[in-house]
Structure formats: C-alpha cells, structure tokens
Amino acid sequence: MNKRSMRPWVGVGLLLLVAVGWTGCSSCKPGKPGPIGRYNVDVALDESLKTGSVLVDLVGANPSTLPRWEGYDMSKYWKEGDPMRRDADKVVLNFVSGQTLTNALAVTNPQWDKWKATGVTHLVVLADLPGAQASRPGSQDARRLIIPLDECTWQSNTKVLKILVQRSGMVVLTPMRPTK
C-alpha cells in the first residue's frame, strides 16, 4: 500500500481513538456511583426563622451508619444529653437570633479529612426546627436531610452545596445532575 491510500485509514483510526478516549474518561456512568467529593456547604436560614435560634448539625455517614441516621428519632436527637447527638462526628452550625442568616462548612475544614478516613458517603443535615413535630423516618422528617456526596449526583464542577433551612424543612438549592 502506498502512503496516499493509508491516509484515510490513519485519520479514521485517530478519530476512533479520540472517541473511545473521550467517552471512557468520564467517571460518572448511569447507575454507578462516582467518587466522593468535598464541598463547601453553605447553610442559610429562611427569613421566617431569623427571630429564633436554630442549631444545624452536619453529620458524615458511611454505608454502615447511614441506616441508623435515617431511622433515628429526631425528637429524641434534639433532647438534652442524647447519646446519638453527643457521640456524632459532626460540625455544629449555630444560628443565633438576630445575627447572621448564613453559616458554612468550608471544604478546607479538617472535618472532611476525618470523614474521608471513615468512608463517609452522605452528609446528614439535622436542624432543630421550632414547633412540635412527630418523628418520621429518613427525609420524611422535616428536620433531617440526607445528601449524597457522590460527585455524579451533582452537575460538573460543583464546588458548593447550598442548603436552605425553612420552617417546613430543608431544601438543597444546588442543582443536581439530570438523570438519563
């Protein structure tokens, strides 16, 4: 074969290599978990809560502890001296009446290293919301929000997870990756 007749085949081969390399580089595959990310976690209180004090606990959960956190009685958790709250590996965000309506856990906080060492895959956000509420399992309880830390859950290049705490419960404001 001469050089002239090989050129198209070389071009096709290069295109195939680029196509295979491009599709194979993505770590997010449908139905498969991706790597666990670290994020700045920005928590904001709704205006309706600014006249009261609210505690928000950020707890890291791994696959073995997540079911316990999903089912734990939130009314019990927020009682003085509760052992689950006392022993939790958590970051406490304290919103004091009349002061700032925002608080954060920085990506540089050493707590992320501790969570990584224990295989944390989810962030459990617990808020001591005013008003008597009946405890419910998982995210059915307005005082509990479970957020996956899997990078494939969030849109590409997500650096911040934004959470809004309202009287009716908590909402994640950070856009998630569309499911296919």
C-alpha atoms as a PDB file:
ATOM      1  CA  MET A   1       0.000   0.000   0.000  1.00  0.00           C
ATOM      2  CA  ASN A   2       1.210   3.462  -0.715  1.00  0.00           C
ATOM      3  CA  LYS A   3       1.144   6.425   1.643  1.00  0.00           C
ATOM      4  CA  ARG A   4      -1.727   8.092  -0.167  1.00  0.00           C
ATOM      5  CA  SER A   5      -4.137   5.172   0.309  1.00  0.00           C
ATOM      6  CA  MET A   6      -3.216   4.832   4.014  1.00  0.00           C
ATOM      7  CA  ARG A   7      -4.013   8.441   4.958  1.00  0.00           C
ATOM      8  CA  PRO A   8      -7.807   7.990   5.228  1.00  0.00           C
ATOM      9  CA  TRP A   9      -7.367   4.887   7.372  1.00  0.00           C
ATOM     10  CA  VAL A  10      -4.948   6.665   9.703  1.00  0.00           C
ATOM     11  CA  GLY A  11      -7.438   9.530  10.058  1.00  0.00           C
ATOM     12  CA  VAL A  12     -10.301   7.145  10.833  1.00  0.00           C
ATOM     13  CA  GLY A  13      -8.131   5.320  13.361  1.00  0.00           C
ATOM     14  CA  LEU A  14      -7.218   8.551  15.130  1.00  0.00           C
ATOM     15  CA  LEU A  15     -10.866   9.615  15.282  1.00  0.00           C
ATOM     16  CA  LEU A  16     -11.811   6.256  16.814  1.00  0.00           C
ATOM     17  CA  LEU A  17      -9.074   6.560  19.442  1.00  0.00           C
ATOM     18  CA  VAL A  18     -10.206  10.066  20.372  1.00  0.00           C
ATOM     19  CA  ALA A  19     -13.862   8.957  20.572  1.00  0.00           C
ATOM     20  CA  VAL A  20     -13.060   5.942  22.764  1.00  0.00           C
ATOM     21  CA  GLY A  21     -10.771   8.008  24.986  1.00  0.00           C
ATOM     22  CA  TRP A  22     -13.312  10.774  25.357  1.00  0.00           C
ATOM     23  CA  THR A  23     -16.200   8.527  26.360  1.00  0.00           C
ATOM     24  CA  GLY A  24     -14.006   6.368  28.588  1.00  0.00           C
ATOM     25  CA  CYS A  25     -12.694   9.261  30.682  1.00  0.00           C
ATOM     26  CA  SER A  26     -15.947  10.165  32.379  1.00  0.00           C
ATOM     27  CA  SER A  27     -16.168   8.711  35.888  1.00  0.00           C
ATOM     28  CA  CYS A  28     -19.951   9.130  36.003  1.00  0.00           C
ATOM     29  CA  LYS A  29     -21.776   6.190  34.488  1.00  0.00           C
ATOM     30  CA  PRO A  30     -25.563   5.717  34.700  1.00  0.00           C
ATOM     31  CA  GLY A  31     -26.447   3.652  37.758  1.00  0.00           C
ATOM     32  CA  LYS A  32     -22.861   3.620  39.073  1.00  0.00           C
ATOM     33  CA  PRO A  33     -21.644   5.726  41.985  1.00  0.00           C
ATOM     34  CA  GLY A  34     -18.785   8.087  41.308  1.00  0.00           C
ATOM     35  CA  PRO A  35     -16.024   9.369  43.551  1.00  0.00           C
ATOM     36  CA  ILE A  36     -16.947  11.047  46.828  1.00  0.00           C
ATOM     37  CA  GLY A  37     -16.412  14.805  46.692  1.00  0.00           C
ATOM     38  CA  ARG A  38     -15.648  17.511  49.199  1.00  0.00           C
ATOM     39  CA  TYR A  39     -17.738  20.637  49.047  1.00  0.00           C
ATOM     40  CA  ASN A  40     -18.205  23.965  50.711  1.00  0.00           C
ATOM     41  CA  VAL A  41     -21.540  23.531  52.475  1.00  0.00           C
ATOM     42  CA  ASP A  42     -23.416  26.834  52.722  1.00  0.00           C
ATOM     43  CA  VAL A  43     -26.436  26.782  55.019  1.00  0.00           C
ATOM     44  CA  ALA A  44     -28.894  29.681  55.034  1.00  0.00           C
ATOM     45  CA  LEU A  45     -31.894  30.296  57.280  1.00  0.00           C
ATOM     46  CA  ASP A  46     -35.139  31.456  55.792  1.00  0.00           C
ATOM     47  CA  GLU A  47     -36.202  34.966  56.869  1.00  0.00           C
ATOM     48  CA  SER A  48     -39.067  33.444  58.883  1.00  0.00           C
ATOM     49  CA  LEU A  49     -36.505  31.882  61.269  1.00  0.00           C
ATOM     50  CA  LYS A  50     -34.374  34.976  61.907  1.00  0.00           C
ATOM     51  CA  THR A  51     -36.030  35.854  65.228  1.00  0.00           C
ATOM     52  CA  GLY A  52     -35.201  32.490  66.827  1.00  0.00           C
ATOM     53  CA  SER A  53     -32.080  30.443  67.427  1.00  0.00           C
ATOM     54  CA  VAL A  54     -31.591  27.345  65.290  1.00  0.00           C
ATOM     55  CA  LEU A  55     -28.963  24.626  65.559  1.00  0.00           C
ATOM     56  CA  VAL A  56     -27.923  22.702  62.473  1.00  0.00           C
ATOM     57  CA  ASP A  57     -25.721  19.622  62.775  1.00  0.00           C
ATOM     58  CA  LEU A  58     -23.782  18.346  59.748  1.00  0.00           C
ATOM     59  CA  VAL A  59     -23.024  14.656  60.247  1.00  0.00           C
ATOM     60  CA  GLY A  60     -20.994  12.439  57.948  1.00  0.00           C
ATOM     61  CA  ALA A  61     -22.463   8.977  57.378  1.00  0.00           C
ATOM     62  CA  ASN A  62     -20.896   5.949  55.729  1.00  0.00           C
ATOM     63  CA  PRO A  63     -22.828   2.948  54.349  1.00  0.00           C
ATOM     64  CA  SER A  64     -22.827   1.171  57.712  1.00  0.00           C
ATOM     65  CA  THR A  65     -24.078   4.166  59.752  1.00  0.00           C
ATOM     66  CA  LEU A  66     -26.480   5.694  57.209  1.00  0.00           C
ATOM     67  CA  PRO A  67     -29.466   3.425  58.052  1.00  0.00           C
ATOM     68  CA  ARG A  68     -29.128   4.358  61.719  1.00  0.00           C
ATOM     69  CA  TRP A  69     -29.159   8.058  60.870  1.00  0.00           C
ATOM     70  CA  GLU A  70     -32.114   7.603  58.509  1.00  0.00           C
ATOM     71  CA  GLY A  71     -34.221   5.964  61.186  1.00  0.00           C
ATOM     72  CA  TYR A  72     -33.188   7.824  64.333  1.00  0.00           C
ATOM     73  CA  ASP A  73     -35.948   9.652  66.200  1.00  0.00           C
ATOM     74  CA  MET A  74     -35.337  13.381  65.652  1.00  0.00           C
ATOM     75  CA  SER A  75     -37.341  14.404  68.723  1.00  0.00           C
ATOM     76  CA  LYS A  76     -35.032  12.216  70.811  1.00  0.00           C
ATOM     77  CA  TYR A  77     -31.918  13.505  68.987  1.00  0.00           C
ATOM     78  CA  TRP A  78     -32.617  17.123  69.928  1.00  0.00           C
ATOM     79  CA  LYS A  79     -33.278  16.375  73.628  1.00  0.00           C
ATOM     80  CA  GLU A  80     -30.604  17.453  76.090  1.00  0.00           C
ATOM     81  CA  GLY A  81     -27.942  14.759  76.621  1.00  0.00           C
ATOM     82  CA  ASP A  82     -28.987  12.471  73.755  1.00  0.00           C
ATOM     83  CA  PRO A  83     -26.144   9.944  73.268  1.00  0.00           C
ATOM     84  CA  MET A  84     -26.532   9.790  69.480  1.00  0.00           C
ATOM     85  CA  ARG A  85     -26.057  13.550  69.220  1.00  0.00           C
ATOM     86  CA  ARG A  86     -23.275  13.600  71.791  1.00  0.00           C
ATOM     87  CA  ASP A  87     -21.298  10.858  70.004  1.00  0.00           C
ATOM     88  CA  ALA A  88     -21.921  12.068  66.454  1.00  0.00           C
ATOM     89  CA  ASP A  89     -18.891  13.048  64.401  1.00  0.00           C
ATOM     90  CA  LYS A  90     -20.421  16.366  63.432  1.00  0.00           C
ATOM     91  CA  VAL A  91     -19.991  20.035  62.730  1.00  0.00           C
ATOM     92  CA  VAL A  92     -22.464  22.278  64.583  1.00  0.00           C
ATOM     93  CA  LEU A  93     -23.707  25.448  62.922  1.00  0.00           C
ATOM     94  CA  ASN A  94     -25.305  27.754  65.466  1.00  0.00           C
ATOM     95  CA  PHE A  95     -27.671  30.403  64.165  1.00  0.00           C
ATOM     96  CA  VAL A  96     -28.269  32.913  66.946  1.00  0.00           C
ATOM     97  CA  SER A  97     -31.364  35.121  66.955  1.00  0.00           C
ATOM     98  CA  GLY A  98     -30.850  38.458  65.251  1.00  0.00           C
ATOM     99  CA  GLN A  99     -27.408  37.584  63.890  1.00  0.00           C
ATOM    100  CA  THR A 100     -26.333  36.190  60.539  1.00  0.00           C
ATOM    101  CA  LEU A 101     -28.696  34.058  58.493  1.00  0.00           C
ATOM    102  CA  THR A 102     -25.845  32.131  56.858  1.00  0.00           C
ATOM    103  CA  ASN A 103     -23.210  29.734  58.091  1.00  0.00           C
ATOM    104  CA  ALA A 104     -20.853  27.322  56.341  1.00  0.00           C
ATOM    105  CA  LEU A 105     -18.594  24.305  56.488  1.00  0.00           C
ATOM    106  CA  ALA A 106     -15.527  25.071  54.362  1.00  0.00           C
ATOM    107  CA  VAL A 107     -14.010  22.488  52.053  1.00  0.00           C
ATOM    108  CA  THR A 108     -10.730  23.142  53.935  1.00  0.00           C
ATOM    109  CA  ASN A 109     -12.212  22.202  57.320  1.00  0.00           C
ATOM    110  CA  PRO A 110     -10.264  19.263  58.869  1.00  0.00           C
ATOM    111  CA  GLN A 111     -13.607  17.504  59.469  1.00  0.00           C
ATOM    112  CA  TRP A 112     -13.580  16.467  55.788  1.00  0.00           C
ATOM    113  CA  ASP A 113     -10.336  14.507  56.419  1.00  0.00           C
ATOM    114  CA  LYS A 114     -11.914  12.730  59.395  1.00  0.00           C
ATOM    115  CA  TRP A 115     -14.994  11.867  57.365  1.00  0.00           C
ATOM    116  CA  LYS A 116     -12.910  10.602  54.446  1.00  0.00           C
ATOM    117  CA  ALA A 117     -10.966   8.313  56.812  1.00  0.00           C
ATOM    118  CA  THR A 118     -14.246   6.689  57.919  1.00  0.00           C
ATOM    119  CA  GLY A 119     -15.630   6.250  54.395  1.00  0.00           C
ATOM    120  CA  VAL A 120     -18.337   8.909  54.576  1.00  0.00           C
ATOM    121  CA  THR A 121     -20.628   8.868  51.522  1.00  0.00           C
ATOM    122  CA  HIS A 122     -23.503  11.071  52.710  1.00  0.00           C
ATOM    123  CA  LEU A 123     -23.979  14.296  54.604  1.00  0.00           C
ATOM    124  CA  VAL A 124     -26.850  14.147  57.074  1.00  0.00           C
ATOM    125  CA  VAL A 125     -28.153  17.645  57.821  1.00  0.00           C
ATOM    126  CA  LEU A 126     -30.148  17.867  61.049  1.00  0.00           C
ATOM    127  CA  ALA A 127     -31.958  21.044  62.100  1.00  0.00           C
ATOM    128  CA  ASP A 128     -33.586  21.811  65.433  1.00  0.00           C
ATOM    129  CA  LEU A 129     -36.616  23.489  63.886  1.00  0.00           C
ATOM    130  CA  PRO A 130     -39.142  25.286  66.084  1.00  0.00           C
ATOM    131  CA  GLY A 131     -42.532  23.715  66.724  1.00  0.00           C
ATOM    132  CA  ALA A 132     -43.525  20.257  67.875  1.00  0.00           C
ATOM    133  CA  GLN A 133     -43.188  17.684  65.122  1.00  0.00           C
ATOM    134  CA  ALA A 134     -43.749  13.965  65.013  1.00  0.00           C
ATOM    135  CA  SER A 135     -40.643  11.995  64.099  1.00  0.00           C
ATOM    136  CA  ARG A 136     -40.617  10.255  60.739  1.00  0.00           C
ATOM    137  CA  PRO A 137     -38.007   8.102  59.012  1.00  0.00           C
ATOM    138  CA  GLY A 138     -35.416   9.463  56.579  1.00  0.00           C
ATOM    139  CA  SER A 139     -36.081  12.676  54.699  1.00  0.00           C
ATOM    140  CA  GLN A 140     -39.795  12.459  55.565  1.00  0.00           C
ATOM    141  CA  ASP A 141     -38.843  14.209  58.790  1.00  0.00           C
ATOM    142  CA  ALA A 142     -38.550  17.939  58.043  1.00  0.00           C
ATOM    143  CA  ARG A 143     -35.638  18.161  60.487  1.00  0.00           C
ATOM    144  CA  ARG A 144     -33.455  15.710  58.534  1.00  0.00           C
ATOM    145  CA  LEU A 145     -31.972  16.000  55.049  1.00  0.00           C
ATOM    146  CA  ILE A 146     -29.708  13.310  53.584  1.00  0.00           C
ATOM    147  CA  ILE A 147     -27.367  14.480  50.842  1.00  0.00           C
ATOM    148  CA  PRO A 148     -25.164  12.150  48.763  1.00  0.00           C
ATOM    149  CA  LEU A 149     -21.570  13.319  48.420  1.00  0.00           C
ATOM    150  CA  ASP A 150     -21.094  11.316  45.225  1.00  0.00           C
ATOM    151  CA  GLU A 151     -19.727  13.689  42.556  1.00  0.00           C
ATOM    152  CA  CYS A 152     -22.010  12.089  39.959  1.00  0.00           C
ATOM    153  CA  THR A 153     -25.061  13.378  41.852  1.00  0.00           C
ATOM    154  CA  TRP A 154     -24.103  16.987  41.165  1.00  0.00           C
ATOM    155  CA  GLN A 155     -23.544  18.927  37.981  1.00  0.00           C
ATOM    156  CA  SER A 156     -19.959  19.007  36.741  1.00  0.00           C
ATOM    157  CA  ASN A 157     -17.591  21.281  38.655  1.00  0.00           C
ATOM    158  CA  THR A 158     -19.937  21.698  41.629  1.00  0.00           C
ATOM    159  CA  LYS A 159     -17.925  23.211  44.477  1.00  0.00           C
ATOM    160  CA  VAL A 160     -20.695  24.378  46.834  1.00  0.00           C
ATOM    161  CA  LEU A 161     -23.728  22.601  48.249  1.00  0.00           C
ATOM    162  CA  LYS A 162     -26.318  25.222  49.205  1.00  0.00           C
ATOM    163  CA  ILE A 163     -28.981  24.353  51.752  1.00  0.00           C
ATOM    164  CA  LEU A 164     -31.942  26.493  52.779  1.00  0.00           C
ATOM    165  CA  VAL A 165     -33.467  25.838  56.211  1.00  0.00           C
ATOM    166  CA  GLN A 166     -37.150  26.766  56.354  1.00  0.00           C
ATOM    167  CA  ARG A 167     -39.843  26.241  58.979  1.00  0.00           C
ATOM    168  CA  SER A 168     -41.321  23.486  56.808  1.00  0.00           C
ATOM    169  CA  GLY A 169     -37.991  21.695  56.329  1.00  0.00           C
ATOM    170  CA  MET A 170     -34.766  21.902  54.404  1.00  0.00           C
ATOM    171  CA  VAL A 171     -34.137  22.247  50.677  1.00  0.00           C
ATOM    172  CA  VAL A 172     -30.984  21.672  48.626  1.00  0.00           C
ATOM    173  CA  LEU A 173     -30.602  24.634  46.260  1.00  0.00           C
ATOM    174  CA  THR A 174     -27.601  23.250  44.360  1.00  0.00           C
ATOM    175  CA  PRO A 175     -28.698  21.794  41.011  1.00  0.00           C
ATOM    176  CA  MET A 176     -28.323  18.051  40.635  1.00  0.00           C
ATOM    177  CA  ARG A 177     -27.071  16.299  37.521  1.00  0.00           C
ATOM    178  CA  PRO A 178     -30.001  15.365  35.285  1.00  0.00           C
ATOM    179  CA  THR A 179     -30.769  11.651  35.319  1.00  0.00           C
ATOM    180  CA  LYS A 180     -30.705   9.982  31.940  1.00  0.00           C
END
